[in-house]
Amino acid sequence: MNINVVTLVGRVGSDPDMKYFESGSVKCRLTLAVNRKTRNSDEPDWFELELWGKTAEIAGSYVRKGKQIGVKGALKFDSWNDRNTGVPRSKPVVVVEQLELLGSRRDTETAMMDSSPNNF
């Protein structure tokens, strides 16, 4: 049996990075800070998230920096060779299957107002 399930709740580190493809697919990338308790304080662990399709569109519309969200997905590793040194590199990415918008409705409305093009 194989299990690859990641569940995280945290705060978004930056506004969504949306990418639209000619095929009609939509991809969204986000960073998520999740506090990890240590002896003296809470330290954030940062995760890179990748969302596709309708989930990506919802994130693009409703998620902004600082918003609290919950995600469930699978862990994958992106691999590449460093351009300068040629050394193989990799990083973990959570491919999100479920997105939960957390926090108050007011938080969402404030985020939408802050991102409005007519906001002075």
PDB file of N, CA and C in Angstrom:
ATOM      1  N   MET A   1       0.845  -1.174   0.000  1.00  0.00           N
ATOM      2  CA  MET A   1       0.000   0.000   0.000  1.00  0.00           C
ATOM      3  C   MET A   1       0.897   1.245   0.000  1.00  0.00           C
ATOM      4  N   ASN A   2       0.533   2.242  -0.818  1.00  0.00           N
ATOM      5  CA  ASN A   2       1.248   3.513  -0.881  1.00  0.00           C
ATOM      6  C   ASN A   2       0.299   4.640  -0.487  1.00  0.00           C
ATOM      7  N   ILE A   3       0.804   5.556   0.324  1.00  0.00           N
ATOM      8  CA  ILE A   3       0.005   6.711   0.740  1.00  0.00           C
ATOM      9  C   ILE A   3       0.837   7.964   0.550  1.00  0.00           C
ATOM     10  N   ASN A   4       0.273   8.944  -0.145  1.00  0.00           N
ATOM     11  CA  ASN A   4       0.925  10.235  -0.336  1.00  0.00           C
ATOM     12  C   ASN A   4      -0.136  11.308  -0.137  1.00  0.00           C
ATOM     13  N   VAL A   5      -0.366  11.693   1.111  1.00  0.00           N
ATOM     14  CA  VAL A   5      -1.386  12.682   1.453  1.00  0.00           C
ATOM     15  C   VAL A   5      -0.760  13.738   2.342  1.00  0.00           C
ATOM     16  N   VAL A   6      -0.967  15.004   1.966  1.00  0.00           N
ATOM     17  CA  VAL A   6      -0.472  16.125   2.743  1.00  0.00           C
ATOM     18  C   VAL A   6      -1.667  17.007   3.091  1.00  0.00           C
ATOM     19  N   THR A   7      -1.817  17.346   4.366  1.00  0.00           N
ATOM     20  CA  THR A   7      -2.868  18.253   4.815  1.00  0.00           C
ATOM     21  C   THR A   7      -2.204  19.387   5.577  1.00  0.00           C
ATOM     22  N   LEU A   8      -2.470  20.624   5.161  1.00  0.00           N
ATOM     23  CA  LEU A   8      -1.847  21.788   5.782  1.00  0.00           C
ATOM     24  C   LEU A   8      -2.878  22.882   6.013  1.00  0.00           C
ATOM     25  N   VAL A   9      -2.694  23.642   7.095  1.00  0.00           N
ATOM     26  CA  VAL A   9      -3.468  24.853   7.348  1.00  0.00           C
ATOM     27  C   VAL A   9      -2.463  25.940   7.682  1.00  0.00           C
ATOM     28  N   GLY A  10      -2.559  27.062   6.963  1.00  0.00           N
ATOM     29  CA  GLY A  10      -1.625  28.153   7.206  1.00  0.00           C
ATOM     30  C   GLY A  10      -2.073  29.416   6.510  1.00  0.00           C
ATOM     31  N   ARG A  11      -1.145  30.359   6.400  1.00  0.00           N
ATOM     32  CA  ARG A  11      -1.433  31.638   5.766  1.00  0.00           C
ATOM     33  C   ARG A  11      -0.633  31.772   4.473  1.00  0.00           C
ATOM     34  N   VAL A  12      -1.306  32.330   3.474  1.00  0.00           N
ATOM     35  CA  VAL A  12      -0.716  32.486   2.146  1.00  0.00           C
ATOM     36  C   VAL A  12       0.368  33.560   2.196  1.00  0.00           C
ATOM     37  N   GLY A  13       1.520  33.264   1.576  1.00  0.00           N
ATOM     38  CA  GLY A  13       2.664  34.166   1.627  1.00  0.00           C
ATOM     39  C   GLY A  13       2.710  35.204   0.526  1.00  0.00           C
ATOM     40  N   SER A  14       1.968  34.989  -0.559  1.00  0.00           N
ATOM     41  CA  SER A  14       1.960  35.955  -1.657  1.00  0.00           C
ATOM     42  C   SER A  14       0.679  35.768  -2.450  1.00  0.00           C
ATOM     43  N   ASP A  15       0.316  36.784  -3.218  1.00  0.00           N
ATOM     44  CA  ASP A  15      -0.865  36.657  -4.065  1.00  0.00           C
ATOM     45  C   ASP A  15      -0.647  35.533  -5.077  1.00  0.00           C
ATOM     46  N   PRO A  16      -1.725  34.919  -5.550  1.00  0.00           N
ATOM     47  CA  PRO A  16      -1.602  33.801  -6.488  1.00  0.00           C
ATOM     48  C   PRO A  16      -0.862  34.184  -7.771  1.00  0.00           C
ATOM     49  N   ASP A  17      -0.032  33.260  -8.247  1.00  0.00           N
ATOM     50  CA  ASP A  17       0.656  33.402  -9.527  1.00  0.00           C
ATOM     51  C   ASP A  17      -0.096  32.513 -10.512  1.00  0.00           C
ATOM     52  N   MET A  18      -0.905  33.144 -11.364  1.00  0.00           N
ATOM     53  CA  MET A  18      -1.772  32.414 -12.287  1.00  0.00           C
ATOM     54  C   MET A  18      -1.088  32.246 -13.646  1.00  0.00           C
ATOM     55  N   LYS A  19      -1.298  31.075 -14.251  1.00  0.00           N
ATOM     56  CA  LYS A  19      -0.779  30.819 -15.586  1.00  0.00           C
ATOM     57  C   LYS A  19      -1.882  30.136 -16.395  1.00  0.00           C
ATOM     58  N   TYR A  20      -2.178  30.724 -17.562  1.00  0.00           N
ATOM     59  CA  TYR A  20      -3.209  30.188 -18.446  1.00  0.00           C
ATOM     60  C   TYR A  20      -2.531  29.617 -19.688  1.00  0.00           C
ATOM     61  N   PHE A  21      -2.901  28.394 -20.047  1.00  0.00           N
ATOM     62  CA  PHE A  21      -2.289  27.710 -21.169  1.00  0.00           C
ATOM     63  C   PHE A  21      -3.224  27.711 -22.378  1.00  0.00           C
ATOM     64  N   GLU A  22      -2.643  27.616 -23.575  1.00  0.00           N
ATOM     65  CA  GLU A  22      -3.429  27.591 -24.811  1.00  0.00           C
ATOM     66  C   GLU A  22      -4.427  26.431 -24.827  1.00  0.00           C
ATOM     67  N   SER A  23      -4.109  25.366 -24.126  1.00  0.00           N
ATOM     68  CA  SER A  23      -4.987  24.192 -24.076  1.00  0.00           C
ATOM     69  C   SER A  23      -6.258  24.465 -23.269  1.00  0.00           C
ATOM     70  N   GLY A  24      -6.270  25.596 -22.535  1.00  0.00           N
ATOM     71  CA  GLY A  24      -7.411  25.919 -21.684  1.00  0.00           C
ATOM     72  C   GLY A  24      -7.163  25.593 -20.222  1.00  0.00           C
ATOM     73  N   SER A  25      -6.063  24.926 -19.918  1.00  0.00           N
ATOM     74  CA  SER A  25      -5.720  24.605 -18.532  1.00  0.00           C
ATOM     75  C   SER A  25      -5.312  25.857 -17.770  1.00  0.00           C
ATOM     76  N   VAL A  26      -5.534  25.813 -16.468  1.00  0.00           N
ATOM     77  CA  VAL A  26      -5.154  26.921 -15.591  1.00  0.00           C
ATOM     78  C   VAL A  26      -4.325  26.346 -14.452  1.00  0.00           C
ATOM     79  N   LYS A  27      -3.214  27.029 -14.133  1.00  0.00           N
ATOM     80  CA  LYS A  27      -2.356  26.621 -13.024  1.00  0.00           C
ATOM     81  C   LYS A  27      -2.140  27.813 -12.110  1.00  0.00           C
ATOM     82  N   CYS A  28      -2.143  27.549 -10.822  1.00  0.00           N
ATOM     83  CA  CYS A  28      -1.905  28.585  -9.824  1.00  0.00           C
ATOM     84  C   CYS A  28      -0.800  28.108  -8.891  1.00  0.00           C
ATOM     85  N   ARG A  29       0.122  28.995  -8.586  1.00  0.00           N
ATOM     86  CA  ARG A  29       1.170  28.690  -7.609  1.00  0.00           C
ATOM     87  C   ARG A  29       1.032  29.655  -6.440  1.00  0.00           C
ATOM     88  N   LEU A  30       1.193  29.099  -5.238  1.00  0.00           N
ATOM     89  CA  LEU A  30       1.124  29.874  -3.997  1.00  0.00           C
ATOM     90  C   LEU A  30       2.206  29.390  -3.053  1.00  0.00           C
ATOM     91  N   THR A  31       2.556  30.233  -2.087  1.00  0.00           N
ATOM     92  CA  THR A  31       3.363  29.768  -0.968  1.00  0.00           C
ATOM     93  C   THR A  31       2.484  29.799   0.272  1.00  0.00           C
ATOM     94  N   LEU A  32       2.743  28.880   1.184  1.00  0.00           N
ATOM     95  CA  LEU A  32       1.943  28.770   2.398  1.00  0.00           C
ATOM     96  C   LEU A  32       2.870  28.657   3.595  1.00  0.00           C
ATOM     97  N   ALA A  33       2.652  29.522   4.596  1.00  0.00           N
ATOM     98  CA  ALA A  33       3.414  29.485   5.842  1.00  0.00           C
ATOM     99  C   ALA A  33       2.594  28.737   6.886  1.00  0.00           C
ATOM    100  N   VAL A  34       3.199  27.698   7.442  1.00  0.00           N
ATOM    101  CA  VAL A  34       2.546  26.900   8.478  1.00  0.00           C
ATOM    102  C   VAL A  34       3.438  26.946   9.713  1.00  0.00           C
ATOM    103  N   ASN A  35       2.883  27.435  10.826  1.00  0.00           N
ATOM    104  CA  ASN A  35       3.672  27.547  12.046  1.00  0.00           C
ATOM    105  C   ASN A  35       3.974  26.176  12.636  1.00  0.00           C
ATOM    106  N   ARG A  36       5.237  26.009  13.039  1.00  0.00           N
ATOM    107  CA  ARG A  36       5.694  24.796  13.716  1.00  0.00           C
ATOM    108  C   ARG A  36       6.135  25.203  15.110  1.00  0.00           C
ATOM    109  N   LYS A  37       5.576  24.567  16.104  1.00  0.00           N
ATOM    110  CA  LYS A  37       5.915  24.902  17.480  1.00  0.00           C
ATOM    111  C   LYS A  37       7.341  24.449  17.794  1.00  0.00           C
ATOM    112  N   THR A  38       8.091  25.354  18.402  1.00  0.00           N
ATOM    113  CA  THR A  38       9.405  25.013  18.928  1.00  0.00           C
ATOM    114  C   THR A  38       9.381  25.325  20.414  1.00  0.00           C
ATOM    115  N   ARG A  39      10.455  25.091  21.089  1.00  0.00           N
ATOM    116  CA  ARG A  39      10.488  25.329  22.539  1.00  0.00           C
ATOM    117  C   ARG A  39      10.182  26.766  22.910  1.00  0.00           C
ATOM    118  N   ASN A  40      10.742  27.713  22.155  1.00  0.00           N
ATOM    119  CA  ASN A  40      10.639  29.114  22.537  1.00  0.00           C
ATOM    120  C   ASN A  40       9.634  29.926  21.724  1.00  0.00           C
ATOM    121  N   SER A  41       9.259  29.442  20.551  1.00  0.00           N
ATOM    122  CA  SER A  41       8.370  30.245  19.709  1.00  0.00           C
ATOM    123  C   SER A  41       7.780  29.380  18.598  1.00  0.00           C
ATOM    124  N   ASP A  42       6.956  30.016  17.782  1.00  0.00           N
ATOM    125  CA  ASP A  42       6.442  29.374  16.577  1.00  0.00           C
ATOM    126  C   ASP A  42       7.302  29.825  15.407  1.00  0.00           C
ATOM    127  N   GLU A  43       7.789  28.872  14.639  1.00  0.00           N
ATOM    128  CA  GLU A  43       8.572  29.194  13.452  1.00  0.00           C
ATOM    129  C   GLU A  43       7.813  28.718  12.227  1.00  0.00           C
ATOM    130  N   PRO A  44       7.733  29.556  11.183  1.00  0.00           N
ATOM    131  CA  PRO A  44       6.995  29.122   9.998  1.00  0.00           C
ATOM    132  C   PRO A  44       7.821  28.181   9.120  1.00  0.00           C
ATOM    133  N   ASP A  45       7.151  27.149   8.623  1.00  0.00           N
ATOM    134  CA  ASP A  45       7.695  26.319   7.554  1.00  0.00           C
ATOM    135  C   ASP A  45       6.977  26.772   6.291  1.00  0.00           C
ATOM    136  N   TRP A  46       7.721  26.947   5.203  1.00  0.00           N
ATOM    137  CA  TRP A  46       7.144  27.436   3.949  1.00  0.00           C
ATOM    138  C   TRP A  46       6.978  26.291   2.967  1.00  0.00           C
ATOM    139  N   PHE A  47       5.797  26.222   2.357  1.00  0.00           N
ATOM    140  CA  PHE A  47       5.478  25.189   1.384  1.00  0.00           C
ATOM    141  C   PHE A  47       5.066  25.845   0.078  1.00  0.00           C
ATOM    142  N   GLU A  48       5.481  25.256  -1.035  1.00  0.00           N
ATOM    143  CA  GLU A  48       5.026  25.721  -2.338  1.00  0.00           C
ATOM    144  C   GLU A  48       3.843  24.851  -2.745  1.00  0.00           C
ATOM    145  N   LEU A  49       2.766  25.519  -3.186  1.00  0.00           N
ATOM    146  CA  LEU A  49       1.547  24.829  -3.589  1.00  0.00           C
ATOM    147  C   LEU A  49       1.324  24.998  -5.078  1.00  0.00           C
ATOM    148  N   GLU A  50       0.772  23.961  -5.707  1.00  0.00           N
ATOM    149  CA  GLU A  50       0.421  23.999  -7.122  1.00  0.00           C
ATOM    150  C   GLU A  50      -1.034  23.547  -7.240  1.00  0.00           C
ATOM    151  N   LEU A  51      -1.865  24.403  -7.825  1.00  0.00           N
ATOM    152  CA  LEU A  51      -3.286  24.114  -7.995  1.00  0.00           C
ATOM    153  C   LEU A  51      -3.619  24.144  -9.478  1.00  0.00           C
ATOM    154  N   TRP A  52      -4.562  23.295  -9.898  1.00  0.00           N
ATOM    155  CA  TRP A  52      -4.934  23.200 -11.303  1.00  0.00           C
ATOM    156  C   TRP A  52      -6.441  23.315 -11.473  1.00  0.00           C
ATOM    157  N   GLY A  53      -6.866  23.713 -12.662  1.00  0.00           N
ATOM    158  CA  GLY A  53      -8.277  23.705 -13.040  1.00  0.00           C
ATOM    159  C   GLY A  53      -9.143  24.635 -12.213  1.00  0.00           C
ATOM    160  N   LYS A  54     -10.319  24.139 -11.853  1.00  0.00           N
ATOM    161  CA  LYS A  54     -11.292  24.940 -11.109  1.00  0.00           C
ATOM    162  C   LYS A  54     -10.734  25.377  -9.759  1.00  0.00           C
ATOM    163  N   THR A  55      -9.980  24.508  -9.111  1.00  0.00           N
ATOM    164  CA  THR A  55      -9.372  24.853  -7.824  1.00  0.00           C
ATOM    165  C   THR A  55      -8.427  26.040  -7.992  1.00  0.00           C
ATOM    166  N   ALA A  56      -7.666  26.072  -9.071  1.00  0.00           N
ATOM    167  CA  ALA A  56      -6.765  27.190  -9.355  1.00  0.00           C
ATOM    168  C   ALA A  56      -7.554  28.469  -9.601  1.00  0.00           C
ATOM    169  N   GLU A  57      -8.667  28.369 -10.327  1.00  0.00           N
ATOM    170  CA  GLU A  57      -9.489  29.547 -10.604  1.00  0.00           C
ATOM    171  C   GLU A  57     -10.084  30.126  -9.322  1.00  0.00           C
ATOM    172  N   ILE A  58     -10.540  29.248  -8.423  1.00  0.00           N
ATOM    173  CA  ILE A  58     -11.080  29.708  -7.138  1.00  0.00           C
ATOM    174  C   ILE A  58      -9.992  30.417  -6.344  1.00  0.00           C
ATOM    175  N   ALA A  59      -8.801  29.839  -6.309  1.00  0.00           N
ATOM    176  CA  ALA A  59      -7.687  30.472  -5.591  1.00  0.00           C
ATOM    177  C   ALA A  59      -7.378  31.840  -6.192  1.00  0.00           C
ATOM    178  N   GLY A  60      -7.375  31.925  -7.513  1.00  0.00           N
ATOM    179  CA  GLY A  60      -7.087  33.196  -8.177  1.00  0.00           C
ATOM    180  C   GLY A  60      -8.110  34.266  -7.845  1.00  0.00           C
ATOM    181  N   SER A  61      -9.351  33.858  -7.616  1.00  0.00           N
ATOM    182  CA  SER A  61     -10.413  34.815  -7.333  1.00  0.00           C
ATOM    183  C   SER A  61     -10.516  35.207  -5.861  1.00  0.00           C
ATOM    184  N   TYR A  62     -10.245  34.280  -4.960  1.00  0.00           N
ATOM    185  CA  TYR A  62     -10.554  34.519  -3.546  1.00  0.00           C
ATOM    186  C   TYR A  62      -9.369  34.510  -2.591  1.00  0.00           C
ATOM    187  N   VAL A  63      -8.226  34.034  -3.021  1.00  0.00           N
ATOM    188  CA  VAL A  63      -7.078  33.922  -2.123  1.00  0.00           C
ATOM    189  C   VAL A  63      -6.127  35.086  -2.346  1.00  0.00           C
ATOM    190  N   ARG A  64      -5.704  35.699  -1.261  1.00  0.00           N
ATOM    191  CA  ARG A  64      -4.737  36.798  -1.294  1.00  0.00           C
ATOM    192  C   ARG A  64      -3.709  36.589  -0.187  1.00  0.00           C
ATOM    193  N   LYS A  65      -2.609  37.294  -0.281  1.00  0.00           N
ATOM    194  CA  LYS A  65      -1.551  37.238   0.725  1.00  0.00           C
ATOM    195  C   LYS A  65      -2.154  37.464   2.108  1.00  0.00           C
ATOM    196  N   GLY A  66      -1.788  36.600   3.055  1.00  0.00           N
ATOM    197  CA  GLY A  66      -2.255  36.715   4.429  1.00  0.00           C
ATOM    198  C   GLY A  66      -3.504  35.922   4.737  1.00  0.00           C
ATOM    199  N   LYS A  67      -4.216  35.457   3.702  1.00  0.00           N
ATOM    200  CA  LYS A  67      -5.453  34.699   3.888  1.00  0.00           C
ATOM    201  C   LYS A  67      -5.134  33.329   4.475  1.00  0.00           C
ATOM    202  N   GLN A  68      -5.947  32.896   5.424  1.00  0.00           N
ATOM    203  CA  GLN A  68      -5.780  31.562   5.995  1.00  0.00           C
ATOM    204  C   GLN A  68      -6.527  30.557   5.126  1.00  0.00           C
ATOM    205  N   ILE A  69      -5.831  29.493   4.746  1.00  0.00           N
ATOM    206  CA  ILE A  69      -6.445  28.439   3.933  1.00  0.00           C
ATOM    207  C   ILE A  69      -6.046  27.072   4.485  1.00  0.00           C
ATOM    208  N   GLY A  70      -6.822  26.080   4.114  1.00  0.00           N
ATOM    209  CA  GLY A  70      -6.490  24.692   4.371  1.00  0.00           C
ATOM    210  C   GLY A  70      -6.385  23.983   3.037  1.00  0.00           C
ATOM    211  N   VAL A  71      -5.432  23.089   2.900  1.00  0.00           N
ATOM    212  CA  VAL A  71      -5.263  22.349   1.650  1.00  0.00           C
ATOM    213  C   VAL A  71      -5.028  20.877   1.943  1.00  0.00           C
ATOM    214  N   LYS A  72      -5.444  20.063   0.988  1.00  0.00           N
ATOM    215  CA  LYS A  72      -5.164  18.631   1.034  1.00  0.00           C
ATOM    216  C   LYS A  72      -4.690  18.253  -0.361  1.00  0.00           C
ATOM    217  N   GLY A  73      -3.603  17.494  -0.426  1.00  0.00           N
ATOM    218  CA  GLY A  73      -3.060  17.122  -1.716  1.00  0.00           C
ATOM    219  C   GLY A  73      -1.993  16.062  -1.589  1.00  0.00           C
ATOM    220  N   ALA A  74      -1.115  16.022  -2.579  1.00  0.00           N
ATOM    221  CA  ALA A  74      -0.038  15.038  -2.638  1.00  0.00           C
ATOM    222  C   ALA A  74       1.300  15.754  -2.817  1.00  0.00           C
ATOM    223  N   LEU A  75       2.339  15.151  -2.301  1.00  0.00           N
ATOM    224  CA  LEU A  75       3.681  15.712  -2.403  1.00  0.00           C
ATOM    225  C   LEU A  75       4.366  15.189  -3.657  1.00  0.00           C
ATOM    226  N   LYS A  76       4.982  16.110  -4.409  1.00  0.00           N
ATOM    227  CA  LYS A  76       5.812  15.717  -5.557  1.00  0.00           C
ATOM    228  C   LYS A  76       7.110  16.507  -5.465  1.00  0.00           C
ATOM    229  N   PHE A  77       8.090  16.100  -6.234  1.00  0.00           N
ATOM    230  CA  PHE A  77       9.365  16.810  -6.263  1.00  0.00           C
ATOM    231  C   PHE A  77       9.628  17.297  -7.678  1.00  0.00           C
ATOM    232  N   ASP A  78       9.810  18.608  -7.827  1.00  0.00           N
ATOM    233  CA  ASP A  78      10.240  19.184  -9.100  1.00  0.00           C
ATOM    234  C   ASP A  78      11.761  19.060  -9.159  1.00  0.00           C
ATOM    235  N   SER A  79      12.286  18.586 -10.278  1.00  0.00           N
ATOM    236  CA  SER A  79      13.736  18.405 -10.437  1.00  0.00           C
ATOM    237  C   SER A  79      14.230  19.165 -11.659  1.00  0.00           C
ATOM    238  N   TRP A  80      15.448  19.682 -11.575  1.00  0.00           N
ATOM    239  CA  TRP A  80      16.076  20.395 -12.669  1.00  0.00           C
ATOM    240  C   TRP A  80      17.577  20.452 -12.423  1.00  0.00           C
ATOM    241  N   ASN A  81      18.324  20.868 -13.434  1.00  0.00           N
ATOM    242  CA  ASN A  81      19.765  21.086 -13.288  1.00  0.00           C
ATOM    243  C   ASN A  81      20.014  22.578 -13.165  1.00  0.00           C
ATOM    244  N   ASP A  82      20.828  22.959 -12.196  1.00  0.00           N
ATOM    245  CA  ASP A  82      21.178  24.357 -11.972  1.00  0.00           C
ATOM    246  C   ASP A  82      21.830  24.922 -13.233  1.00  0.00           C
ATOM    247  N   ARG A  83      21.369  26.076 -13.690  1.00  0.00           N
ATOM    248  CA  ARG A  83      21.893  26.680 -14.930  1.00  0.00           C
ATOM    249  C   ARG A  83      23.371  27.031 -14.842  1.00  0.00           C
ATOM    250  N   ASN A  84      23.790  27.492 -13.663  1.00  0.00           N
ATOM    251  CA  ASN A  84      25.183  27.942 -13.514  1.00  0.00           C
ATOM    252  C   ASN A  84      26.153  26.796 -13.261  1.00  0.00           C
ATOM    253  N   THR A  85      25.760  25.850 -12.423  1.00  0.00           N
ATOM    254  CA  THR A  85      26.695  24.797 -12.028  1.00  0.00           C
ATOM    255  C   THR A  85      26.399  23.444 -12.653  1.00  0.00           C
ATOM    256  N   GLY A  86      25.178  23.259 -13.175  1.00  0.00           N
ATOM    257  CA  GLY A  86      24.805  21.968 -13.738  1.00  0.00           C
ATOM    258  C   GLY A  86      24.457  20.928 -12.684  1.00  0.00           C
ATOM    259  N   VAL A  87      24.473  21.340 -11.407  1.00  0.00           N
ATOM    260  CA  VAL A  87      24.179  20.422 -10.306  1.00  0.00           C
ATOM    261  C   VAL A  87      22.680  20.115 -10.285  1.00  0.00           C
ATOM    262  N   PRO A  88      22.322  18.846 -10.124  1.00  0.00           N
ATOM    263  CA  PRO A  88      20.897  18.510 -10.022  1.00  0.00           C
ATOM    264  C   PRO A  88      20.271  19.133  -8.768  1.00  0.00           C
ATOM    265  N   ARG A  89      19.099  19.700  -8.921  1.00  0.00           N
ATOM    266  CA  ARG A  89      18.363  20.329  -7.818  1.00  0.00           C
ATOM    267  C   ARG A  89      16.961  19.754  -7.779  1.00  0.00           C
ATOM    268  N   SER A  90      16.319  19.872  -6.631  1.00  0.00           N
ATOM    269  CA  SER A  90      14.912  19.481  -6.509  1.00  0.00           C
ATOM    270  C   SER A  90      14.276  20.260  -5.372  1.00  0.00           C
ATOM    271  N   LYS A  91      12.950  20.352  -5.412  1.00  0.00           N
ATOM    272  CA  LYS A  91      12.220  20.999  -4.325  1.00  0.00           C
ATOM    273  C   LYS A  91      10.869  20.317  -4.190  1.00  0.00           C
ATOM    274  N   PRO A  92      10.372  20.230  -2.953  1.00  0.00           N
ATOM    275  CA  PRO A  92       9.059  19.632  -2.760  1.00  0.00           C
ATOM    276  C   PRO A  92       7.949  20.615  -3.120  1.00  0.00           C
ATOM    277  N   VAL A  93       6.891  20.111  -3.730  1.00  0.00           N
ATOM    278  CA  VAL A  93       5.719  20.905  -4.094  1.00  0.00           C
ATOM    279  C   VAL A  93       4.489  20.092  -3.701  1.00  0.00           C
ATOM    280  N   VAL A  94       3.515  20.763  -3.091  1.00  0.00           N
ATOM    281  CA  VAL A  94       2.260  20.104  -2.755  1.00  0.00           C
ATOM    282  C   VAL A  94       1.277  20.369  -3.894  1.00  0.00           C
ATOM    283  N   VAL A  95       0.828  19.310  -4.558  1.00  0.00           N
ATOM    284  CA  VAL A  95      -0.179  19.419  -5.613  1.00  0.00           C
ATOM    285  C   VAL A  95      -1.541  19.339  -4.918  1.00  0.00           C
ATOM    286  N   VAL A  96      -2.239  20.470  -4.889  1.00  0.00           N
ATOM    287  CA  VAL A  96      -3.470  20.601  -4.107  1.00  0.00           C
ATOM    288  C   VAL A  96      -4.654  19.988  -4.847  1.00  0.00           C
ATOM    289  N   GLU A  97      -5.383  19.147  -4.137  1.00  0.00           N
ATOM    290  CA  GLU A  97      -6.612  18.548  -4.665  1.00  0.00           C
ATOM    291  C   GLU A  97      -7.846  19.204  -4.054  1.00  0.00           C
ATOM    292  N   GLN A  98      -7.729  19.635  -2.789  1.00  0.00           N
ATOM    293  CA  GLN A  98      -8.839  20.299  -2.098  1.00  0.00           C
ATOM    294  C   GLN A  98      -8.339  21.585  -1.469  1.00  0.00           C
ATOM    295  N   LEU A  99      -9.144  22.642  -1.597  1.00  0.00           N
ATOM    296  CA  LEU A  99      -8.819  23.957  -1.039  1.00  0.00           C
ATOM    297  C   LEU A  99      -9.974  24.407  -0.169  1.00  0.00           C
ATOM    298  N   GLU A 100      -9.676  24.807   1.054  1.00  0.00           N
ATOM    299  CA  GLU A 100     -10.682  25.350   1.968  1.00  0.00           C
ATOM    300  C   GLU A 100     -10.304  26.786   2.299  1.00  0.00           C
ATOM    301  N   LEU A 101     -11.229  27.703   2.077  1.00  0.00           N
ATOM    302  CA  LEU A 101     -11.021  29.099   2.440  1.00  0.00           C
ATOM    303  C   LEU A 101     -11.416  29.253   3.897  1.00  0.00           C
ATOM    304  N   LEU A 102     -10.484  29.635   4.738  1.00  0.00           N
ATOM    305  CA  LEU A 102     -10.723  29.751   6.170  1.00  0.00           C
ATOM    306  C   LEU A 102     -10.716  31.214   6.584  1.00  0.00           C
ATOM    307  N   GLY A 103     -10.940  31.468   7.856  1.00  0.00           N
ATOM    308  CA  GLY A 103     -11.004  32.843   8.320  1.00  0.00           C
ATOM    309  C   GLY A 103     -12.404  33.382   8.127  1.00  0.00           C
ATOM    310  N   SER A 104     -12.579  34.634   8.438  1.00  0.00           N
ATOM    311  CA  SER A 104     -13.909  35.233   8.374  1.00  0.00           C
ATOM    312  C   SER A 104     -14.255  35.698   6.966  1.00  0.00           C
ATOM    313  N   ARG A 105     -15.530  35.895   6.729  1.00  0.00           N
ATOM    314  CA  ARG A 105     -15.997  36.430   5.453  1.00  0.00           C
ATOM    315  C   ARG A 105     -15.428  37.836   5.245  1.00  0.00           C
ATOM    316  N   ARG A 106     -15.295  38.562   6.326  1.00  0.00           N
ATOM    317  CA  ARG A 106     -14.749  39.924   6.274  1.00  0.00           C
ATOM    318  C   ARG A 106     -13.319  39.910   5.729  1.00  0.00           C
ATOM    319  N   ASP A 107     -12.527  38.912   6.115  1.00  0.00           N
ATOM    320  CA  ASP A 107     -11.156  38.786   5.595  1.00  0.00           C
ATOM    321  C   ASP A 107     -11.171  38.677   4.079  1.00  0.00           C
ATOM    322  N   THR A 108     -12.094  37.855   3.544  1.00  0.00           N
ATOM    323  CA  THR A 108     -12.198  37.653   2.101  1.00  0.00           C
ATOM    324  C   THR A 108     -12.630  38.943   1.417  1.00  0.00           C
ATOM    325  N   GLU A 109     -13.625  39.632   1.990  1.00  0.00           N
ATOM    326  CA  GLU A 109     -14.111  40.876   1.389  1.00  0.00           C
ATOM    327  C   GLU A 109     -13.022  41.940   1.401  1.00  0.00           C
ATOM    328  N   THR A 110     -12.259  42.032   2.483  1.00  0.00           N
ATOM    329  CA  THR A 110     -11.166  43.000   2.568  1.00  0.00           C
ATOM    330  C   THR A 110     -10.105  42.697   1.523  1.00  0.00           C
ATOM    331  N   ALA A 111      -9.777  41.408   1.355  1.00  0.00           N
ATOM    332  CA  ALA A 111      -8.776  41.023   0.352  1.00  0.00           C
ATOM    333  C   ALA A 111      -9.254  41.379  -1.045  1.00  0.00           C
ATOM    334  N   MET A 112     -10.529  41.170  -1.315  1.00  0.00           N
ATOM    335  CA  MET A 112     -11.072  41.494  -2.639  1.00  0.00           C
ATOM    336  C   MET A 112     -11.041  42.994  -2.871  1.00  0.00           C
ATOM    337  N   MET A 113     -11.355  43.789  -1.852  1.00  0.00           N
ATOM    338  CA  MET A 113     -11.329  45.250  -1.996  1.00  0.00           C
ATOM    339  C   MET A 113      -9.903  45.736  -2.218  1.00  0.00           C
ATOM    340  N   ASP A 114      -8.941  45.141  -1.496  1.00  0.00           N
ATOM    341  CA  ASP A 114      -7.547  45.548  -1.631  1.00  0.00           C
ATOM    342  C   ASP A 114      -7.008  45.263  -3.024  1.00  0.00           C
ATOM    343  N   SER A 115      -7.552  44.255  -3.694  1.00  0.00           N
ATOM    344  CA  SER A 115      -7.049  43.896  -5.015  1.00  0.00           C
ATOM    345  C   SER A 115      -7.853  44.543  -6.144  1.00  0.00           C
ATOM    346  N   SER A 116      -8.872  45.329  -5.787  1.00  0.00           N
ATOM    347  CA  SER A 116      -9.701  45.971  -6.790  1.00  0.00           C
ATOM    348  C   SER A 116      -8.919  47.025  -7.554  1.00  0.00           C
ATOM    349  N   PRO A 117      -9.030  47.068  -8.897  1.00  0.00           N
ATOM    350  CA  PRO A 117      -8.262  48.056  -9.673  1.00  0.00           C
ATOM    351  C   PRO A 117      -8.723  49.492  -9.423  1.00  0.00           C
ATOM    352  N   ASN A 118      -9.931  49.672  -8.888  1.00  0.00           N
ATOM    353  CA  ASN A 118     -10.451  51.010  -8.629  1.00  0.00           C
ATOM    354  C   ASN A 118     -10.167  51.471  -7.213  1.00  0.00           C
ATOM    355  N   ASN A 119      -9.409  50.675  -6.450  1.00  0.00           N
ATOM    356  CA  ASN A 119      -9.097  51.039  -5.076  1.00  0.00           C
ATOM    357  C   ASN A 119      -8.029  52.127  -5.044  1.00  0.00           C
ATOM    358  N   PHE A 120      -8.332  53.249  -4.406  1.00  0.00           N
ATOM    359  CA  PHE A 120      -7.370  54.367  -4.363  1.00  0.00           C
ATOM    360  C   PHE A 120      -6.624  54.360  -3.097  1.00  0.00           C
TER     361      PHE A 120
END
